[in-house]
Amino acid sequence: ALWHLQKEVALSTLAQELTDFDIKSPQTWCAAGNCFSLQ
């Protein structure tokens, strides 16, 4: 949803927070992937 609305800062923050919390979660890597896709 953040990707669709081009909310780059919020998406980057979410990806970083999820990465800090759990790097073994597919949701974490999806968020990171969406973050770089938006960029």
Full PDB file with SEQRES, HELIX, SHEET, SSBOND, CRYST1, ORIGX, SCALE, CONECT and MASTER records, all heavy atoms in Angstrom:
SEQRES   1 A   39  ALA LEU TRP HIS LEU GLN LYS GLU VAL ALA LEU SER THR          
SEQRES   2 A   39  LEU ALA GLN GLU LEU THR ASP PHE ASP ILE LYS SER PRO          
SEQRES   3 A   39  GLN THR TRP CYS ALA ALA GLY ASN CYS PHE SER LEU GLN          
HELIX    1 AA1 GLU A    8  PHE A   21  1                                  14    
HELIX    2 AA2 PRO A   26  LEU A   38  1                                  13    
CRYST1    1.000    1.000    1.000  90.00  90.00  90.00 P 1           1          
ORIGX1      1.000000  0.000000  0.000000        0.00000                         
ORIGX2      0.000000  1.000000  0.000000        0.00000                         
ORIGX3      0.000000  0.000000  1.000000        0.00000                         
SCALE1      1.000000  0.000000  0.000000        0.00000                         
SCALE2      0.000000  1.000000  0.000000        0.00000                         
SCALE3      0.000000  0.000000  1.000000        0.00000                         
ATOM      1  N   ALA A   1       0.839  -1.207   0.000  1.00  0.00           N  
ATOM      2  CA  ALA A   1       0.000   0.000   0.000  1.00  0.00           C  
ATOM      3  C   ALA A   1       0.870   1.251   0.000  1.00  0.00           C  
ATOM      4  O   ALA A   1       0.594   2.224  -0.727  1.00  0.00           O  
ATOM      5  CB  ALA A   1      -0.933  -0.007   1.217  1.00  0.00           C  
ATOM      6  N   LEU A   2       1.936   1.234   0.793  1.00  0.00           N  
ATOM      7  CA  LEU A   2       2.875   2.365   0.799  1.00  0.00           C  
ATOM      8  C   LEU A   2       3.536   2.528  -0.565  1.00  0.00           C  
ATOM      9  O   LEU A   2       3.752   3.653  -1.039  1.00  0.00           O  
ATOM     10  CB  LEU A   2       3.938   2.153   1.885  1.00  0.00           C  
ATOM     11  CG  LEU A   2       3.444   2.218   3.336  1.00  0.00           C  
ATOM     12  CD1 LEU A   2       4.540   1.744   4.290  1.00  0.00           C  
ATOM     13  CD2 LEU A   2       2.996   3.633   3.704  1.00  0.00           C  
ATOM     14  N   TRP A   3       3.833   1.402  -1.215  1.00  0.00           N  
ATOM     15  CA  TRP A   3       4.421   1.427  -2.558  1.00  0.00           C  
ATOM     16  C   TRP A   3       3.463   2.104  -3.542  1.00  0.00           C  
ATOM     17  O   TRP A   3       3.863   2.957  -4.326  1.00  0.00           O  
ATOM     18  CB  TRP A   3       4.729  -0.001  -2.992  1.00  0.00           C  
ATOM     19  CG  TRP A   3       5.401  -0.137  -4.322  1.00  0.00           C  
ATOM     20  CD1 TRP A   3       6.744  -0.197  -4.576  1.00  0.00           C  
ATOM     21  CD2 TRP A   3       4.760  -0.223  -5.610  1.00  0.00           C  
ATOM     22  NE1 TRP A   3       6.988  -0.318  -5.922  1.00  0.00           N  
ATOM     23  CE2 TRP A   3       5.785  -0.341  -6.585  1.00  0.00           C  
ATOM     24  CE3 TRP A   3       3.438  -0.219  -6.032  1.00  0.00           C  
ATOM     25  CZ2 TRP A   3       5.513  -0.458  -7.949  1.00  0.00           C  
ATOM     26  CZ3 TRP A   3       3.158  -0.328  -7.388  1.00  0.00           C  
ATOM     27  CH2 TRP A   3       4.189  -0.444  -8.335  1.00  0.00           C  
ATOM     28  N   HIS A   4       2.197   1.719  -3.484  1.00  0.00           N  
ATOM     29  CA  HIS A   4       1.205   2.276  -4.413  1.00  0.00           C  
ATOM     30  C   HIS A   4       1.072   3.789  -4.254  1.00  0.00           C  
ATOM     31  O   HIS A   4       0.888   4.502  -5.250  1.00  0.00           O  
ATOM     32  CB  HIS A   4      -0.157   1.616  -4.190  1.00  0.00           C  
ATOM     33  CG  HIS A   4      -0.315   0.302  -4.884  1.00  0.00           C  
ATOM     34  ND1 HIS A   4      -0.356   0.168  -6.257  1.00  0.00           N  
ATOM     35  CD2 HIS A   4      -0.444  -0.959  -4.385  1.00  0.00           C  
ATOM     36  CE1 HIS A   4      -0.508  -1.097  -6.584  1.00  0.00           C  
ATOM     37  NE2 HIS A   4      -0.562  -1.806  -5.468  1.00  0.00           N  
ATOM     38  N   LEU A   5       1.159   4.268  -3.020  1.00  0.00           N  
ATOM     39  CA  LEU A   5       0.991   5.707  -2.775  1.00  0.00           C  
ATOM     40  C   LEU A   5       2.327   6.456  -2.750  1.00  0.00           C  
ATOM     41  O   LEU A   5       2.381   7.628  -2.380  1.00  0.00           O  
ATOM     42  CB  LEU A   5       0.229   5.927  -1.467  1.00  0.00           C  
ATOM     43  CG  LEU A   5      -1.233   5.442  -1.465  1.00  0.00           C  
ATOM     44  CD1 LEU A   5      -1.946   5.906  -0.202  1.00  0.00           C  
ATOM     45  CD2 LEU A   5      -1.988   5.926  -2.694  1.00  0.00           C  
ATOM     46  N   GLN A   6       3.403   5.752  -3.149  1.00  0.00           N  
ATOM     47  CA  GLN A   6       4.723   6.377  -3.302  1.00  0.00           C  
ATOM     48  C   GLN A   6       5.229   7.000  -2.000  1.00  0.00           C  
ATOM     49  O   GLN A   6       5.886   8.044  -2.013  1.00  0.00           O  
ATOM     50  CB  GLN A   6       4.675   7.452  -4.404  1.00  0.00           C  
ATOM     51  CG  GLN A   6       4.129   6.956  -5.739  1.00  0.00           C  
ATOM     52  CD  GLN A   6       5.144   6.163  -6.532  1.00  0.00           C  
ATOM     53  OE1 GLN A   6       6.135   6.708  -7.001  1.00  0.00           O  
ATOM     54  NE2 GLN A   6       4.908   4.871  -6.682  1.00  0.00           N  
ATOM     55  N   LYS A   7       4.936   6.355  -0.874  1.00  0.00           N  
ATOM     56  CA  LYS A   7       5.368   6.867   0.426  1.00  0.00           C  
ATOM     57  C   LYS A   7       6.732   6.270   0.769  1.00  0.00           C  
ATOM     58  O   LYS A   7       6.843   5.333   1.559  1.00  0.00           O  
ATOM     59  CB  LYS A   7       4.310   6.556   1.495  1.00  0.00           C  
ATOM     60  CG  LYS A   7       3.005   7.335   1.287  1.00  0.00           C  
ATOM     61  CD  LYS A   7       2.038   7.124   2.433  1.00  0.00           C  
ATOM     62  CE  LYS A   7       0.798   7.985   2.273  1.00  0.00           C  
ATOM     63  NZ  LYS A   7       1.068   9.429   2.433  1.00  0.00           N  
ATOM     64  N   GLU A   8       7.743   6.851   0.157  1.00  0.00           N  
ATOM     65  CA  GLU A   8       9.081   6.279   0.215  1.00  0.00           C  
ATOM     66  C   GLU A   8       9.667   6.284   1.630  1.00  0.00           C  
ATOM     67  O   GLU A   8      10.254   5.288   2.067  1.00  0.00           O  
ATOM     68  CB  GLU A   8      10.011   7.049  -0.737  1.00  0.00           C  
ATOM     69  CG  GLU A   8      11.374   6.418  -0.895  1.00  0.00           C  
ATOM     70  CD  GLU A   8      12.192   7.101  -1.979  1.00  0.00           C  
ATOM     71  OE1 GLU A   8      11.601   7.567  -2.976  1.00  0.00           O  
ATOM     72  OE2 GLU A   8      13.429   7.156  -1.824  1.00  0.00           O  
ATOM     73  N   VAL A   9       9.506   7.381   2.364  1.00  0.00           N  
ATOM     74  CA  VAL A   9      10.079   7.470   3.708  1.00  0.00           C  
ATOM     75  C   VAL A   9       9.423   6.462   4.649  1.00  0.00           C  
ATOM     76  O   VAL A   9      10.107   5.728   5.376  1.00  0.00           O  
ATOM     77  CB  VAL A   9       9.940   8.905   4.268  1.00  0.00           C  
ATOM     78  CG1 VAL A   9      10.402   8.953   5.727  1.00  0.00           C  
ATOM     79  CG2 VAL A   9      10.748   9.884   3.433  1.00  0.00           C  
ATOM     80  N   ALA A  10       8.097   6.405   4.615  1.00  0.00           N  
ATOM     81  CA  ALA A  10       7.375   5.463   5.488  1.00  0.00           C  
ATOM     82  C   ALA A  10       7.725   4.027   5.145  1.00  0.00           C  
ATOM     83  O   ALA A  10       7.877   3.182   6.043  1.00  0.00           O  
ATOM     84  CB  ALA A  10       5.867   5.688   5.367  1.00  0.00           C  
ATOM     85  N   LEU A  11       7.867   3.735   3.857  1.00  0.00           N  
ATOM     86  CA  LEU A  11       8.196   2.370   3.434  1.00  0.00           C  
ATOM     87  C   LEU A  11       9.618   2.001   3.855  1.00  0.00           C  
ATOM     88  O   LEU A  11       9.870   0.884   4.325  1.00  0.00           O  
ATOM     89  CB  LEU A  11       8.030   2.250   1.919  1.00  0.00           C  
ATOM     90  CG  LEU A  11       8.320   0.876   1.298  1.00  0.00           C  
ATOM     91  CD1 LEU A  11       7.584  -0.243   2.015  1.00  0.00           C  
ATOM     92  CD2 LEU A  11       7.939   0.893  -0.182  1.00  0.00           C  
ATOM     93  N   SER A  12      10.530   2.932   3.717  1.00  0.00           N  
ATOM     94  CA  SER A  12      11.906   2.687   4.143  1.00  0.00           C  
ATOM     95  C   SER A  12      11.978   2.447   5.653  1.00  0.00           C  
ATOM     96  O   SER A  12      12.694   1.551   6.127  1.00  0.00           O  
ATOM     97  CB  SER A  12      12.792   3.873   3.756  1.00  0.00           C  
ATOM     98  OG  SER A  12      14.115   3.678   4.196  1.00  0.00           O  
ATOM     99  N   THR A  13      11.218   3.232   6.407  1.00  0.00           N  
ATOM    100  CA  THR A  13      11.178   3.068   7.867  1.00  0.00           C  
ATOM    101  C   THR A  13      10.614   1.709   8.246  1.00  0.00           C  
ATOM    102  O   THR A  13      11.160   1.011   9.115  1.00  0.00           O  
ATOM    103  CB  THR A  13      10.320   4.177   8.504  1.00  0.00           C  
ATOM    104  OG1 THR A  13      10.889   5.447   8.186  1.00  0.00           O  
ATOM    105  CG2 THR A  13      10.255   4.014  10.015  1.00  0.00           C  
ATOM    106  N   LEU A  14       9.522   1.310   7.593  1.00  0.00           N  
ATOM    107  CA  LEU A  14       8.919   0.008   7.874  1.00  0.00           C  
ATOM    108  C   LEU A  14       9.897  -1.118   7.576  1.00  0.00           C  
ATOM    109  O   LEU A  14      10.071  -2.036   8.396  1.00  0.00           O  
ATOM    110  CB  LEU A  14       7.653  -0.170   7.032  1.00  0.00           C  
ATOM    111  CG  LEU A  14       6.983  -1.547   7.132  1.00  0.00           C  
ATOM    112  CD1 LEU A  14       6.440  -1.791   8.532  1.00  0.00           C  
ATOM    113  CD2 LEU A  14       5.870  -1.679   6.093  1.00  0.00           C  
ATOM    114  N   ALA A  15      10.552  -1.059   6.422  1.00  0.00           N  
ATOM    115  CA  ALA A  15      11.499  -2.108   6.042  1.00  0.00           C  
ATOM    116  C   ALA A  15      12.635  -2.214   7.060  1.00  0.00           C  
ATOM    117  O   ALA A  15      13.037  -3.319   7.449  1.00  0.00           O  
ATOM    118  CB  ALA A  15      12.055  -1.823   4.649  1.00  0.00           C  
ATOM    119  N   GLN A  16      13.134  -1.072   7.524  1.00  0.00           N  
ATOM    120  CA  GLN A  16      14.223  -1.077   8.497  1.00  0.00           C  
ATOM    121  C   GLN A  16      13.764  -1.655   9.833  1.00  0.00           C  
ATOM    122  O   GLN A  16      14.468  -2.468  10.453  1.00  0.00           O  
ATOM    123  CB  GLN A  16      14.756   0.341   8.695  1.00  0.00           C  
ATOM    124  CG  GLN A  16      15.982   0.423   9.594  1.00  0.00           C  
ATOM    125  CD  GLN A  16      17.151  -0.376   9.060  1.00  0.00           C  
ATOM    126  OE1 GLN A  16      17.587  -0.163   7.942  1.00  0.00           O  
ATOM    127  NE2 GLN A  16      17.660  -1.309   9.866  1.00  0.00           N  
ATOM    128  N   GLU A  17      12.582  -1.257  10.278  1.00  0.00           N  
ATOM    129  CA  GLU A  17      12.066  -1.752  11.556  1.00  0.00           C  
ATOM    130  C   GLU A  17      11.825  -3.266  11.514  1.00  0.00           C  
ATOM    131  O   GLU A  17      12.146  -3.985  12.464  1.00  0.00           O  
ATOM    132  CB  GLU A  17      10.770  -1.024  11.917  1.00  0.00           C  
ATOM    133  CG  GLU A  17      10.984   0.424  12.328  1.00  0.00           C  
ATOM    134  CD  GLU A  17       9.672   1.153  12.574  1.00  0.00           C  
ATOM    135  OE1 GLU A  17       8.601   0.582  12.276  1.00  0.00           O  
ATOM    136  OE2 GLU A  17       9.711   2.307  13.070  1.00  0.00           O  
ATOM    137  N   LEU A  18      11.278  -3.751  10.420  1.00  0.00           N  
ATOM    138  CA  LEU A  18      11.035  -5.193  10.298  1.00  0.00           C  
ATOM    139  C   LEU A  18      12.348  -5.960  10.214  1.00  0.00           C  
ATOM    140  O   LEU A  18      12.476  -7.053  10.777  1.00  0.00           O  
ATOM    141  CB  LEU A  18      10.166  -5.484   9.072  1.00  0.00           C  
ATOM    142  CG  LEU A  18       8.728  -4.953   9.112  1.00  0.00           C  
ATOM    143  CD1 LEU A  18       7.993  -5.335   7.835  1.00  0.00           C  
ATOM    144  CD2 LEU A  18       7.974  -5.485  10.325  1.00  0.00           C  
ATOM    145  N   THR A  19      13.333  -5.390   9.518  1.00  0.00           N  
ATOM    146  CA  THR A  19      14.644  -6.032   9.412  1.00  0.00           C  
ATOM    147  C   THR A  19      15.313  -6.128  10.785  1.00  0.00           C  
ATOM    148  O   THR A  19      15.909  -7.156  11.135  1.00  0.00           O  
ATOM    149  CB  THR A  19      15.564  -5.251   8.446  1.00  0.00           C  
ATOM    150  OG1 THR A  19      14.941  -5.194   7.155  1.00  0.00           O  
ATOM    151  CG2 THR A  19      16.916  -5.926   8.311  1.00  0.00           C  
ATOM    152  N   ASP A  20      15.183  -5.078  11.581  1.00  0.00           N  
ATOM    153  CA  ASP A  20      15.754  -5.087  12.935  1.00  0.00           C  
ATOM    154  C   ASP A  20      15.067  -6.119  13.819  1.00  0.00           C  
ATOM    155  O   ASP A  20      15.698  -6.687  14.718  1.00  0.00           O  
ATOM    156  CB  ASP A  20      15.616  -3.703  13.572  1.00  0.00           C  
ATOM    157  CG  ASP A  20      16.520  -2.664  12.912  1.00  0.00           C  
ATOM    158  OD1 ASP A  20      17.482  -3.071  12.221  1.00  0.00           O  
ATOM    159  OD2 ASP A  20      16.252  -1.467  13.081  1.00  0.00           O  
ATOM    160  N   PHE A  21      13.776  -6.371  13.541  1.00  0.00           N  
ATOM    161  CA  PHE A  21      13.006  -7.264  14.403  1.00  0.00           C  
ATOM    162  C   PHE A  21      13.149  -8.731  14.019  1.00  0.00           C  
ATOM    163  O   PHE A  21      13.352  -9.599  14.874  1.00  0.00           O  
ATOM    164  CB  PHE A  21      11.530  -6.869  14.386  1.00  0.00           C  
ATOM    165  CG  PHE A  21      10.642  -7.824  15.139  1.00  0.00           C  
ATOM    166  CD1 PHE A  21      10.804  -8.014  16.512  1.00  0.00           C  
ATOM    167  CD2 PHE A  21       9.667  -8.547  14.481  1.00  0.00           C  
ATOM    168  CE1 PHE A  21      10.002  -8.911  17.203  1.00  0.00           C  
ATOM    169  CE2 PHE A  21       8.856  -9.446  15.167  1.00  0.00           C  
ATOM    170  CZ  PHE A  21       9.020  -9.622  16.529  1.00  0.00           C  
ATOM    171  N   ASP A  22      13.023  -9.053  12.728  1.00  0.00           N  
ATOM    172  CA  ASP A  22      13.031 -10.462  12.322  1.00  0.00           C  
ATOM    173  C   ASP A  22      13.467 -10.595  10.869  1.00  0.00           C  
ATOM    174  O   ASP A  22      12.702 -10.303   9.954  1.00  0.00           O  
ATOM    175  CB  ASP A  22      11.631 -11.060  12.499  1.00  0.00           C  
ATOM    176  CG  ASP A  22      11.611 -12.574  12.272  1.00  0.00           C  
ATOM    177  OD1 ASP A  22      12.651 -13.136  11.877  1.00  0.00           O  
ATOM    178  OD2 ASP A  22      10.554 -13.193  12.485  1.00  0.00           O  
ATOM    179  N   ILE A  23      14.689 -11.056  10.651  1.00  0.00           N  
ATOM    180  CA  ILE A  23      15.193 -11.221   9.286  1.00  0.00           C  
ATOM    181  C   ILE A  23      14.851 -12.601   8.717  1.00  0.00           C  
ATOM    182  O   ILE A  23      15.240 -12.927   7.593  1.00  0.00           O  
ATOM    183  CB  ILE A  23      16.723 -11.003   9.218  1.00  0.00           C  
ATOM    184  CG1 ILE A  23      17.458 -12.013  10.105  1.00  0.00           C  
ATOM    185  CG2 ILE A  23      17.089  -9.579   9.583  1.00  0.00           C  
ATOM    186  CD1 ILE A  23      18.966 -12.000   9.904  1.00  0.00           C  
ATOM    187  N   LYS A  24      14.118 -13.398   9.483  1.00  0.00           N  
ATOM    188  CA  LYS A  24      13.712 -14.716   8.985  1.00  0.00           C  
ATOM    189  C   LYS A  24      12.235 -14.737   8.592  1.00  0.00           C  
ATOM    190  O   LYS A  24      11.645 -15.794   8.412  1.00  0.00           O  
ATOM    191  CB  LYS A  24      13.995 -15.790  10.042  1.00  0.00           C  
ATOM    192  CG  LYS A  24      15.484 -15.973  10.335  1.00  0.00           C  
ATOM    193  CD  LYS A  24      15.719 -17.083  11.343  1.00  0.00           C  
ATOM    194  CE  LYS A  24      17.214 -17.273  11.606  1.00  0.00           C  
ATOM    195  NZ  LYS A  24      17.460 -18.347  12.608  1.00  0.00           N  
ATOM    196  N   SER A  25      11.664 -13.563   8.458  1.00  0.00           N  
ATOM    197  CA  SER A  25      10.256 -13.448   8.098  1.00  0.00           C  
ATOM    198  C   SER A  25      10.119 -13.032   6.638  1.00  0.00           C  
ATOM    199  O   SER A  25      10.779 -12.076   6.203  1.00  0.00           O  
ATOM    200  CB  SER A  25       9.575 -12.406   8.999  1.00  0.00           C  
ATOM    201  OG  SER A  25       8.370 -11.971   8.427  1.00  0.00           O  
ATOM    202  N   PRO A  26       9.266 -13.701   5.861  1.00  0.00           N  
ATOM    203  CA  PRO A  26       9.078 -13.284   4.461  1.00  0.00           C  
ATOM    204  C   PRO A  26       8.476 -11.889   4.348  1.00  0.00           C  
ATOM    205  O   PRO A  26       8.758 -11.164   3.396  1.00  0.00           O  
ATOM    206  CB  PRO A  26       8.126 -14.354   3.903  1.00  0.00           C  
ATOM    207  CG  PRO A  26       7.431 -14.931   5.096  1.00  0.00           C  
ATOM    208  CD  PRO A  26       8.437 -14.879   6.199  1.00  0.00           C  
ATOM    209  N   GLN A  27       7.665 -11.491   5.361  1.00  0.00           N  
ATOM    210  CA  GLN A  27       7.089 -10.144   5.329  1.00  0.00           C  
ATOM    211  C   GLN A  27       8.185  -9.083   5.366  1.00  0.00           C  
ATOM    212  O   GLN A  27       8.066  -8.032   4.718  1.00  0.00           O  
ATOM    213  CB  GLN A  27       6.133  -9.941   6.512  1.00  0.00           C  
ATOM    214  CG  GLN A  27       4.831 -10.725   6.406  1.00  0.00           C  
ATOM    215  CD  GLN A  27       4.897 -12.073   7.092  1.00  0.00           C  
ATOM    216  OE1 GLN A  27       5.983 -12.604   7.310  1.00  0.00           O  
ATOM    217  NE2 GLN A  27       3.752 -12.630   7.443  1.00  0.00           N  
ATOM    218  N   THR A  28       9.250  -9.355   6.126  1.00  0.00           N  
ATOM    219  CA  THR A  28      10.374  -8.418   6.213  1.00  0.00           C  
ATOM    220  C   THR A  28      11.008  -8.194   4.852  1.00  0.00           C  
ATOM    221  O   THR A  28      11.233  -7.054   4.420  1.00  0.00           O  
ATOM    222  CB  THR A  28      11.433  -8.953   7.199  1.00  0.00           C  
ATOM    223  OG1 THR A  28      10.878  -8.971   8.519  1.00  0.00           O  
ATOM    224  CG2 THR A  28      12.685  -8.096   7.192  1.00  0.00           C  
ATOM    225  N   TRP A  29      11.272  -9.292   4.149  1.00  0.00           N  
ATOM    226  CA  TRP A  29      11.947  -9.187   2.869  1.00  0.00           C  
ATOM    227  C   TRP A  29      11.029  -8.645   1.774  1.00  0.00           C  
ATOM    228  O   TRP A  29      11.497  -7.997   0.832  1.00  0.00           O  
ATOM    229  CB  TRP A  29      12.542 -10.535   2.487  1.00  0.00           C  
ATOM    230  CG  TRP A  29      13.585 -10.970   3.478  1.00  0.00           C  
ATOM    231  CD1 TRP A  29      13.482 -11.977   4.399  1.00  0.00           C  
ATOM    232  CD2 TRP A  29      14.869 -10.383   3.682  1.00  0.00           C  
ATOM    233  NE1 TRP A  29      14.623 -12.052   5.163  1.00  0.00           N  
ATOM    234  CE2 TRP A  29      15.489 -11.087   4.744  1.00  0.00           C  
ATOM    235  CE3 TRP A  29      15.560  -9.339   3.074  1.00  0.00           C  
ATOM    236  CZ2 TRP A  29      16.769 -10.769   5.199  1.00  0.00           C  
ATOM    237  CZ3 TRP A  29      16.831  -9.027   3.526  1.00  0.00           C  
ATOM    238  CH2 TRP A  29      17.414  -9.741   4.574  1.00  0.00           C  
ATOM    239  N   CYS A  30       9.733  -8.908   1.907  1.00  0.00           N  
ATOM    240  CA  CYS A  30       8.779  -8.292   0.973  1.00  0.00           C  
ATOM    241  C   CYS A  30       8.778  -6.768   1.122  1.00  0.00           C  
ATOM    242  O   CYS A  30       8.762  -6.036   0.121  1.00  0.00           O  
ATOM    243  CB  CYS A  30       7.364  -8.831   1.219  1.00  0.00           C  
ATOM    244  SG  CYS A  30       7.069 -10.498   0.583  1.00  0.00           S  
ATOM    245  N   ALA A  31       8.794  -6.307   2.372  1.00  0.00           N  
ATOM    246  CA  ALA A  31       8.834  -4.861   2.618  1.00  0.00           C  
ATOM    247  C   ALA A  31      10.118  -4.253   2.057  1.00  0.00           C  
ATOM    248  O   ALA A  31      10.094  -3.187   1.423  1.00  0.00           O  
ATOM    249  CB  ALA A  31       8.713  -4.574   4.112  1.00  0.00           C  
ATOM    250  N   ALA A  32      11.239  -4.940   2.273  1.00  0.00           N  
ATOM    251  CA  ALA A  32      12.516  -4.442   1.745  1.00  0.00           C  
ATOM    252  C   ALA A  32      12.497  -4.435   0.222  1.00  0.00           C  
ATOM    253  O   ALA A  32      12.967  -3.480  -0.417  1.00  0.00           O  
ATOM    254  CB  ALA A  32      13.662  -5.301   2.262  1.00  0.00           C  
ATOM    255  N   GLY A  33      11.943  -5.488  -0.376  1.00  0.00           N  
ATOM    256  CA  GLY A  33      11.845  -5.550  -1.827  1.00  0.00           C  
ATOM    257  C   GLY A  33      10.981  -4.432  -2.381  1.00  0.00           C  
ATOM    258  O   GLY A  33      11.337  -3.785  -3.378  1.00  0.00           O  
ATOM    259  N   ASN A  34       9.849  -4.188  -1.734  1.00  0.00           N  
ATOM    260  CA  ASN A  34       8.977  -3.089  -2.169  1.00  0.00           C  
ATOM    261  C   ASN A  34       9.679  -1.743  -2.044  1.00  0.00           C  
ATOM    262  O   ASN A  34       9.486  -0.844  -2.872  1.00  0.00           O  
ATOM    263  CB  ASN A  34       7.687  -3.085  -1.337  1.00  0.00           C  
ATOM    264  CG  ASN A  34       6.631  -4.016  -1.898  1.00  0.00           C  
ATOM    265  OD1 ASN A  34       6.595  -4.284  -3.090  1.00  0.00           O  
ATOM    266  ND2 ASN A  34       5.760  -4.518  -1.035  1.00  0.00           N  
ATOM    267  N   CYS A  35      10.478  -1.610  -1.007  1.00  0.00           N  
ATOM    268  CA  CYS A  35      11.206  -0.361  -0.769  1.00  0.00           C  
ATOM    269  C   CYS A  35      12.155  -0.062  -1.934  1.00  0.00           C  
ATOM    270  O   CYS A  35      12.161   1.048  -2.478  1.00  0.00           O  
ATOM    271  CB  CYS A  35      11.978  -0.459   0.545  1.00  0.00           C  
ATOM    272  SG  CYS A  35      12.871   1.049   0.985  1.00  0.00           S  
ATOM    273  N   PHE A  36      12.933  -1.053  -2.341  1.00  0.00           N  
ATOM    274  CA  PHE A  36      13.867  -0.839  -3.452  1.00  0.00           C  
ATOM    275  C   PHE A  36      13.142  -0.735  -4.789  1.00  0.00           C  
ATOM    276  O   PHE A  36      13.592  -0.031  -5.691  1.00  0.00           O  
ATOM    277  CB  PHE A  36      14.923  -1.946  -3.474  1.00  0.00           C  
ATOM    278  CG  PHE A  36      15.985  -1.759  -2.436  1.00  0.00           C  
ATOM    279  CD1 PHE A  36      15.953  -2.467  -1.247  1.00  0.00           C  
ATOM    280  CD2 PHE A  36      17.013  -0.844  -2.634  1.00  0.00           C  
ATOM    281  CE1 PHE A  36      16.925  -2.280  -0.270  1.00  0.00           C  
ATOM    282  CE2 PHE A  36      17.989  -0.641  -1.665  1.00  0.00           C  
ATOM    283  CZ  PHE A  36      17.951  -1.362  -0.486  1.00  0.00           C  
ATOM    284  N   SER A  37      12.016  -1.423  -4.908  1.00  0.00           N  
ATOM    285  CA  SER A  37      11.216  -1.307  -6.123  1.00  0.00           C  
ATOM    286  C   SER A  37      10.723   0.126  -6.308  1.00  0.00           C  
ATOM    287  O   SER A  37      10.758   0.670  -7.412  1.00  0.00           O  
ATOM    288  CB  SER A  37      10.022  -2.268  -6.070  1.00  0.00           C  
ATOM    289  OG  SER A  37       9.172  -2.099  -7.188  1.00  0.00           O  
ATOM    290  N   LEU A  38      10.271   0.725  -5.209  1.00  0.00           N  
ATOM    291  CA  LEU A  38       9.784   2.106  -5.272  1.00  0.00           C  
ATOM    292  C   LEU A  38      10.902   3.059  -5.684  1.00  0.00           C  
ATOM    293  O   LEU A  38      10.659   4.062  -6.362  1.00  0.00           O  
ATOM    294  CB  LEU A  38       9.199   2.507  -3.916  1.00  0.00           C  
ATOM    295  CG  LEU A  38       8.592   3.905  -3.812  1.00  0.00           C  
ATOM    296  CD1 LEU A  38       7.509   4.121  -4.870  1.00  0.00           C  
ATOM    297  CD2 LEU A  38       8.018   4.135  -2.420  1.00  0.00           C  
ATOM    298  N   GLN A  39      12.133   2.736  -5.313  1.00  0.00           N  
ATOM    299  CA  GLN A  39      13.288   3.558  -5.671  1.00  0.00           C  
ATOM    300  C   GLN A  39      13.832   3.222  -7.063  1.00  0.00           C  
ATOM    301  O   GLN A  39      14.882   3.717  -7.470  1.00  0.00           O  
ATOM    302  CB  GLN A  39      14.392   3.372  -4.627  1.00  0.00           C  
ATOM    303  CG  GLN A  39      13.998   3.855  -3.239  1.00  0.00           C  
ATOM    304  CD  GLN A  39      14.977   3.410  -2.153  1.00  0.00           C  
ATOM    305  OE1 GLN A  39      16.048   2.894  -2.446  1.00  0.00           O  
ATOM    306  NE2 GLN A  39      14.595   3.611  -0.900  1.00  0.00           N  
TER     307      GLN A  39                                                      
MASTER        0    0    0    2    0    0    0    6  306    1    0    3          
END                                                                             
